[in-house]
Amino acid sequence: MGILTIILFITKKFNIIIAAPIATIVILLFNDVPILETVFGKENSYMTALAGFVASNFAIFFIRFYISEIHGSKCGDDFNFE
């Protein structure tokens, strides 16, 4: 059900950053999992894992942003595979 939700939102031109948490909540609803604890809990939750991922990869994100600012390109504009 979660994959169908993601596919539906992507075909309707939703941003993946918005569609992924909504699909996660749909999965939690259909599996009878406590939503607030799982998504916003203090330990072992979706948001805690997302914050840990961003914090652990912050250097990579920052370097990519800095290099794109130096070269004057937006993220992904400098990758032409033609």
N, C-alpha and C. Protein backbone atom coordinates (compact mmCIF):
# COMPACT_ATOMS: atom_id res chain seq x y z
N MET A 1 0.81 -1.19 0.00
CA MET A 1 0.00 0.00 0.00
C MET A 1 0.87 1.27 0.00
N GLY A 2 2.00 1.20 0.67
CA GLY A 2 2.89 2.34 0.71
C GLY A 2 3.49 2.66 -0.64
N ILE A 3 3.84 1.63 -1.40
CA ILE A 3 4.41 1.85 -2.74
C ILE A 3 3.36 2.47 -3.66
N LEU A 4 2.13 2.02 -3.54
CA LEU A 4 1.07 2.61 -4.35
C LEU A 4 0.85 4.07 -3.98
N THR A 5 0.97 4.40 -2.70
CA THR A 5 0.83 5.78 -2.26
C THR A 5 1.93 6.65 -2.85
N ILE A 6 3.17 6.16 -2.78
CA ILE A 6 4.29 6.91 -3.36
C ILE A 6 4.08 7.11 -4.86
N ILE A 7 3.70 6.05 -5.57
CA ILE A 7 3.49 6.14 -7.02
C ILE A 7 2.38 7.14 -7.34
N LEU A 8 1.29 7.12 -6.57
CA LEU A 8 0.20 8.05 -6.79
C LEU A 8 0.64 9.49 -6.59
N PHE A 9 1.37 9.75 -5.49
CA PHE A 9 1.81 11.11 -5.22
C PHE A 9 2.82 11.60 -6.26
N ILE A 10 3.71 10.73 -6.70
CA ILE A 10 4.70 11.13 -7.69
C ILE A 10 4.04 11.43 -9.04
N THR A 11 3.05 10.63 -9.43
CA THR A 11 2.35 10.90 -10.68
C THR A 11 1.51 12.17 -10.60
N LYS A 12 1.11 12.56 -9.39
CA LYS A 12 0.38 13.82 -9.19
C LYS A 12 1.32 15.00 -8.96
N LYS A 13 2.63 14.80 -9.18
CA LYS A 13 3.65 15.84 -9.10
C LYS A 13 3.88 16.36 -7.67
N PHE A 14 3.73 15.48 -6.67
CA PHE A 14 4.09 15.83 -5.30
C PHE A 14 5.60 15.72 -5.14
N ASN A 15 6.15 16.50 -4.23
CA ASN A 15 7.56 16.41 -3.90
C ASN A 15 7.80 15.13 -3.11
N ILE A 16 8.90 14.46 -3.35
CA ILE A 16 9.19 13.20 -2.67
C ILE A 16 9.39 13.40 -1.18
N ILE A 17 9.86 14.58 -0.78
CA ILE A 17 10.07 14.85 0.64
C ILE A 17 8.73 14.94 1.37
N ILE A 18 7.68 15.32 0.68
CA ILE A 18 6.35 15.34 1.28
C ILE A 18 5.68 13.98 1.14
N ALA A 19 5.87 13.33 -0.01
CA ALA A 19 5.20 12.06 -0.28
C ALA A 19 5.70 10.91 0.60
N ALA A 20 6.98 10.88 0.91
CA ALA A 20 7.55 9.77 1.69
C ALA A 20 6.99 9.70 3.11
N PRO A 21 6.93 10.81 3.87
CA PRO A 21 6.33 10.69 5.21
C PRO A 21 4.84 10.35 5.17
N ILE A 22 4.13 10.85 4.15
CA ILE A 22 2.70 10.50 4.04
C ILE A 22 2.54 9.02 3.75
N ALA A 23 3.38 8.47 2.88
CA ALA A 23 3.33 7.03 2.60
C ALA A 23 3.70 6.22 3.83
N THR A 24 4.62 6.74 4.63
CA THR A 24 4.98 6.06 5.88
C THR A 24 3.79 6.00 6.82
N ILE A 25 3.05 7.10 6.92
CA ILE A 25 1.88 7.13 7.78
C ILE A 25 0.80 6.18 7.26
N VAL A 26 0.65 6.08 5.94
CA VAL A 26 -0.32 5.13 5.37
C VAL A 26 0.06 3.70 5.74
N ILE A 27 1.34 3.38 5.65
CA ILE A 27 1.80 2.03 6.03
C ILE A 27 1.51 1.77 7.50
N LEU A 28 1.77 2.76 8.35
CA LEU A 28 1.51 2.60 9.78
C LEU A 28 0.02 2.42 10.07
N LEU A 29 -0.83 3.12 9.34
CA LEU A 29 -2.27 2.98 9.54
C LEU A 29 -2.76 1.58 9.18
N PHE A 30 -2.25 1.03 8.10
CA PHE A 30 -2.71 -0.29 7.67
C PHE A 30 -2.09 -1.43 8.48
N ASN A 31 -1.07 -1.15 9.28
CA ASN A 31 -0.45 -2.19 10.09
C ASN A 31 -0.75 -2.05 11.57
N ASP A 32 -1.68 -1.19 11.93
CA ASP A 32 -2.10 -0.98 13.33
C ASP A 32 -0.93 -0.67 14.26
N VAL A 33 -0.07 0.22 13.82
CA VAL A 33 1.08 0.65 14.61
C VAL A 33 0.74 2.02 15.19
N PRO A 34 1.14 2.30 16.44
CA PRO A 34 0.89 3.63 16.99
C PRO A 34 1.66 4.71 16.22
N ILE A 35 0.93 5.60 15.56
CA ILE A 35 1.52 6.55 14.63
C ILE A 35 2.41 7.57 15.33
N LEU A 36 1.90 8.21 16.36
CA LEU A 36 2.66 9.29 16.99
C LEU A 36 3.96 8.79 17.60
N GLU A 37 3.95 7.62 18.21
CA GLU A 37 5.19 7.07 18.78
C GLU A 37 6.19 6.71 17.69
N THR A 38 5.71 6.15 16.60
CA THR A 38 6.61 5.70 15.55
C THR A 38 7.20 6.86 14.76
N VAL A 39 6.38 7.86 14.44
CA VAL A 39 6.86 8.96 13.62
C VAL A 39 7.59 10.01 14.44
N PHE A 40 7.05 10.35 15.61
CA PHE A 40 7.60 11.47 16.39
C PHE A 40 8.15 11.06 17.75
N GLY A 41 8.38 9.78 17.99
CA GLY A 41 8.88 9.33 19.29
C GLY A 41 10.28 9.81 19.58
N LYS A 42 10.69 9.66 20.83
CA LYS A 42 12.02 10.12 21.22
C LYS A 42 13.10 9.12 20.85
N GLU A 43 12.78 7.85 20.84
CA GLU A 43 13.76 6.82 20.51
C GLU A 43 13.26 5.99 19.33
N ASN A 44 14.16 5.68 18.44
CA ASN A 44 13.89 4.73 17.36
C ASN A 44 12.65 5.11 16.54
N SER A 45 12.57 6.37 16.11
CA SER A 45 11.43 6.82 15.32
C SER A 45 11.89 7.27 13.94
N TYR A 46 10.94 7.55 13.08
CA TYR A 46 11.23 7.99 11.71
C TYR A 46 11.99 9.31 11.72
N MET A 47 11.50 10.27 12.48
CA MET A 47 12.12 11.59 12.50
C MET A 47 13.50 11.54 13.16
N THR A 48 13.66 10.71 14.17
CA THR A 48 14.97 10.56 14.81
C THR A 48 15.97 9.96 13.82
N ALA A 49 15.54 8.96 13.07
CA ALA A 49 16.42 8.35 12.08
C ALA A 49 16.74 9.33 10.95
N LEU A 50 15.75 10.12 10.52
CA LEU A 50 15.99 11.11 9.48
C LEU A 50 16.97 12.18 9.95
N ALA A 51 16.79 12.64 11.18
CA ALA A 51 17.71 13.64 11.73
C ALA A 51 19.12 13.07 11.86
N GLY A 52 19.23 11.81 12.25
CA GLY A 52 20.55 11.17 12.33
C GLY A 52 21.20 11.04 10.97
N PHE A 53 20.40 10.72 9.95
CA PHE A 53 20.94 10.61 8.59
C PHE A 53 21.45 11.95 8.09
N VAL A 54 20.67 13.00 8.30
CA VAL A 54 21.09 14.33 7.84
C VAL A 54 22.32 14.78 8.61
N ALA A 55 22.35 14.53 9.92
CA ALA A 55 23.51 14.94 10.72
C ALA A 55 24.77 14.18 10.33
N SER A 56 24.64 12.89 10.05
CA SER A 56 25.83 12.11 9.71
C SER A 56 26.34 12.40 8.30
N ASN A 57 25.47 12.89 7.42
CA ASN A 57 25.87 13.20 6.05
C ASN A 57 25.90 14.69 5.77
N PHE A 58 25.92 15.50 6.83
CA PHE A 58 25.89 16.95 6.65
C PHE A 58 27.09 17.45 5.87
N ALA A 59 28.25 16.88 6.10
CA ALA A 59 29.46 17.32 5.38
C ALA A 59 29.30 17.11 3.88
N ILE A 60 28.73 16.01 3.48
CA ILE A 60 28.52 15.73 2.05
C ILE A 60 27.54 16.74 1.45
N PHE A 61 26.44 17.00 2.17
CA PHE A 61 25.46 17.96 1.68
C PHE A 61 26.07 19.35 1.58
N PHE A 62 26.84 19.73 2.59
CA PHE A 62 27.43 21.06 2.62
C PHE A 62 28.47 21.24 1.51
N ILE A 63 29.30 20.23 1.30
CA ILE A 63 30.31 20.31 0.24
C ILE A 63 29.65 20.42 -1.13
N ARG A 64 28.60 19.65 -1.35
CA ARG A 64 27.88 19.72 -2.63
C ARG A 64 27.27 21.11 -2.82
N PHE A 65 26.68 21.65 -1.78
CA PHE A 65 26.12 23.00 -1.86
C PHE A 65 27.20 24.03 -2.15
N TYR A 66 28.31 23.92 -1.46
CA TYR A 66 29.41 24.89 -1.61
C TYR A 66 30.00 24.84 -3.02
N ILE A 67 30.21 23.64 -3.53
CA ILE A 67 30.76 23.50 -4.89
C ILE A 67 29.78 24.05 -5.92
N SER A 68 28.50 23.81 -5.75
CA SER A 68 27.53 24.33 -6.71
C SER A 68 27.44 25.85 -6.63
N GLU A 69 27.65 26.42 -5.46
CA GLU A 69 27.67 27.88 -5.34
C GLU A 69 28.89 28.46 -6.03
N ILE A 70 30.02 27.81 -5.91
CA ILE A 70 31.24 28.29 -6.55
C ILE A 70 31.10 28.26 -8.07
N HIS A 71 30.56 27.19 -8.59
CA HIS A 71 30.44 27.03 -10.04
C HIS A 71 29.19 27.70 -10.60
N GLY A 72 28.31 28.17 -9.75
CA GLY A 72 27.12 28.87 -10.21
C GLY A 72 26.08 27.97 -10.81
N SER A 73 26.08 26.70 -10.46
CA SER A 73 25.07 25.79 -10.99
C SER A 73 24.17 25.32 -9.87
N LYS A 74 23.01 24.90 -10.24
CA LYS A 74 22.08 24.33 -9.27
C LYS A 74 22.38 22.84 -9.14
N CYS A 75 21.78 22.23 -8.13
CA CYS A 75 22.05 20.81 -7.86
C CYS A 75 21.58 19.95 -9.04
N GLY A 76 22.51 19.27 -9.65
CA GLY A 76 22.19 18.38 -10.75
C GLY A 76 22.35 18.99 -12.13
N ASP A 77 22.54 20.31 -12.22
CA ASP A 77 22.66 20.95 -13.52
C ASP A 77 23.97 20.61 -14.23
N ASP A 78 24.99 20.26 -13.46
CA ASP A 78 26.29 20.02 -14.08
C ASP A 78 26.48 18.58 -14.54
N PHE A 79 25.43 17.77 -14.45
CA PHE A 79 25.54 16.37 -14.89
C PHE A 79 24.78 16.22 -16.20
N ASN A 80 25.47 16.37 -17.29
CA ASN A 80 24.86 16.18 -18.62
C ASN A 80 25.41 14.89 -19.19
N PHE A 81 24.55 13.94 -19.44
CA PHE A 81 24.96 12.65 -19.94
C PHE A 81 24.73 12.50 -21.44
N GLU A 82 24.61 13.61 -22.14
CA GLU A 82 24.34 13.55 -23.58
C GLU A 82 25.62 13.44 -24.35
